[in-house]
Amino acid sequence: MTDFLLVKRNIEMNDLQRITFIIERDGMPSALKFANQAIRQYRRAVLSAKAKYGKNHTYRKRYIDSYLFHKEFYYGNEAER
């Protein structure tokens, strides 16, 4: 169980680091645009019949976690749009 939490935290931390970097470099509007693109890409990767990695159990969980992180960031910052 501990390994799962560490993996989940690392995934979220990578996403958080990426968003933080974009905010610092390009500003909040660019970070929101990036998050919106990520939402669409991760969703497509998991739901598409042609998805190569999104159907694989190993990657699927990571894609869904990243999708949820970006969705929460995007809709949590609606006032910034």
Protein backbone atom coordinates (compact mmCIF):
# COMPACT_ATOMS: atom_id res chain seq x y z
CA MET A 1 0.00 0.00 0.00
CA THR A 2 2.82 2.38 0.82
CA ASP A 3 4.38 1.84 -2.62
CA PHE A 4 1.08 2.74 -4.27
CA LEU A 5 0.87 5.99 -2.31
CA LEU A 6 4.46 6.87 -3.19
CA VAL A 7 3.84 6.23 -6.88
CA LYS A 8 0.63 8.27 -6.80
CA ARG A 9 2.36 11.11 -4.97
CA ASN A 10 5.24 11.07 -7.49
CA ILE A 11 2.81 11.28 -10.39
CA GLU A 12 0.99 14.19 -8.81
CA MET A 13 4.28 15.87 -7.92
CA ASN A 14 5.51 15.58 -11.51
CA ASP A 15 2.29 17.13 -12.75
CA LEU A 16 2.47 19.83 -10.09
CA GLN A 17 6.10 20.59 -10.93
CA ARG A 18 5.23 20.86 -14.62
CA ILE A 19 2.31 23.23 -13.95
CA THR A 20 4.39 25.31 -11.54
CA PHE A 21 7.17 25.60 -14.11
CA ILE A 22 4.74 26.76 -16.80
CA ILE A 23 3.16 29.32 -14.45
CA GLU A 24 6.58 30.73 -13.56
CA ARG A 25 7.81 30.77 -17.14
CA ASP A 26 4.71 31.74 -19.14
CA GLY A 27 1.99 32.74 -16.66
CA MET A 28 -1.33 31.33 -15.53
CA PRO A 29 -3.14 31.58 -18.91
CA SER A 30 -0.52 29.33 -20.50
CA ALA A 31 -0.71 26.87 -17.61
CA LEU A 32 -4.49 26.69 -18.00
CA LYS A 33 -4.12 26.13 -21.74
CA PHE A 34 -1.60 23.36 -21.06
CA ALA A 35 -3.92 21.76 -18.49
CA ASN A 36 -6.84 21.85 -20.92
CA GLN A 37 -4.73 20.17 -23.61
CA ALA A 38 -3.56 17.54 -21.12
CA ILE A 39 -7.16 16.83 -20.09
CA ARG A 40 -8.12 16.14 -23.70
CA GLN A 41 -5.02 14.05 -24.43
CA TYR A 42 -5.25 11.87 -21.33
CA ARG A 43 -8.99 11.36 -21.82
CA ARG A 44 -8.47 10.37 -25.44
CA ALA A 45 -5.63 8.02 -24.50
CA VAL A 46 -7.81 6.15 -22.02
CA LEU A 47 -11.07 6.07 -23.98
CA SER A 48 -9.91 5.70 -27.58
CA ALA A 49 -10.16 2.30 -29.19
CA LYS A 50 -6.87 3.03 -30.97
CA ALA A 51 -5.08 3.89 -27.73
CA LYS A 52 -1.87 1.96 -27.44
CA TYR A 53 -0.86 2.65 -23.84
CA GLY A 54 -4.10 3.97 -22.37
CA LYS A 55 -5.59 0.48 -22.34
CA ASN A 56 -2.55 -1.04 -20.62
CA HIS A 57 -3.27 -1.40 -16.90
CA THR A 58 0.17 -0.04 -15.96
CA TYR A 59 -0.28 3.23 -17.81
CA ARG A 60 -4.04 3.55 -17.54
CA LYS A 61 -3.96 4.34 -13.81
CA ARG A 62 -1.26 6.97 -14.33
CA TYR A 63 -3.17 8.56 -17.21
CA ILE A 64 -6.34 8.72 -15.14
CA ASP A 65 -4.51 10.22 -12.16
CA SER A 66 -2.90 12.86 -14.37
CA TYR A 67 -6.23 13.54 -16.07
CA LEU A 68 -7.89 14.13 -12.69
CA PHE A 69 -5.04 16.35 -11.49
CA HIS A 70 -5.19 18.58 -14.57
CA LYS A 71 -8.97 18.69 -14.51
CA GLU A 72 -8.95 19.79 -10.88
CA PHE A 73 -6.34 22.46 -11.64
CA TYR A 74 -8.18 23.71 -14.73
CA TYR A 75 -11.64 23.95 -13.21
CA GLY A 76 -10.29 25.09 -9.85
CA ASN A 77 -8.85 28.18 -11.51
CA GLU A 78 -11.86 29.23 -13.58
CA ALA A 79 -11.57 32.82 -12.37
CA GLU A 80 -8.17 33.06 -14.04
CA ARG A 81 -9.53 32.24 -17.49
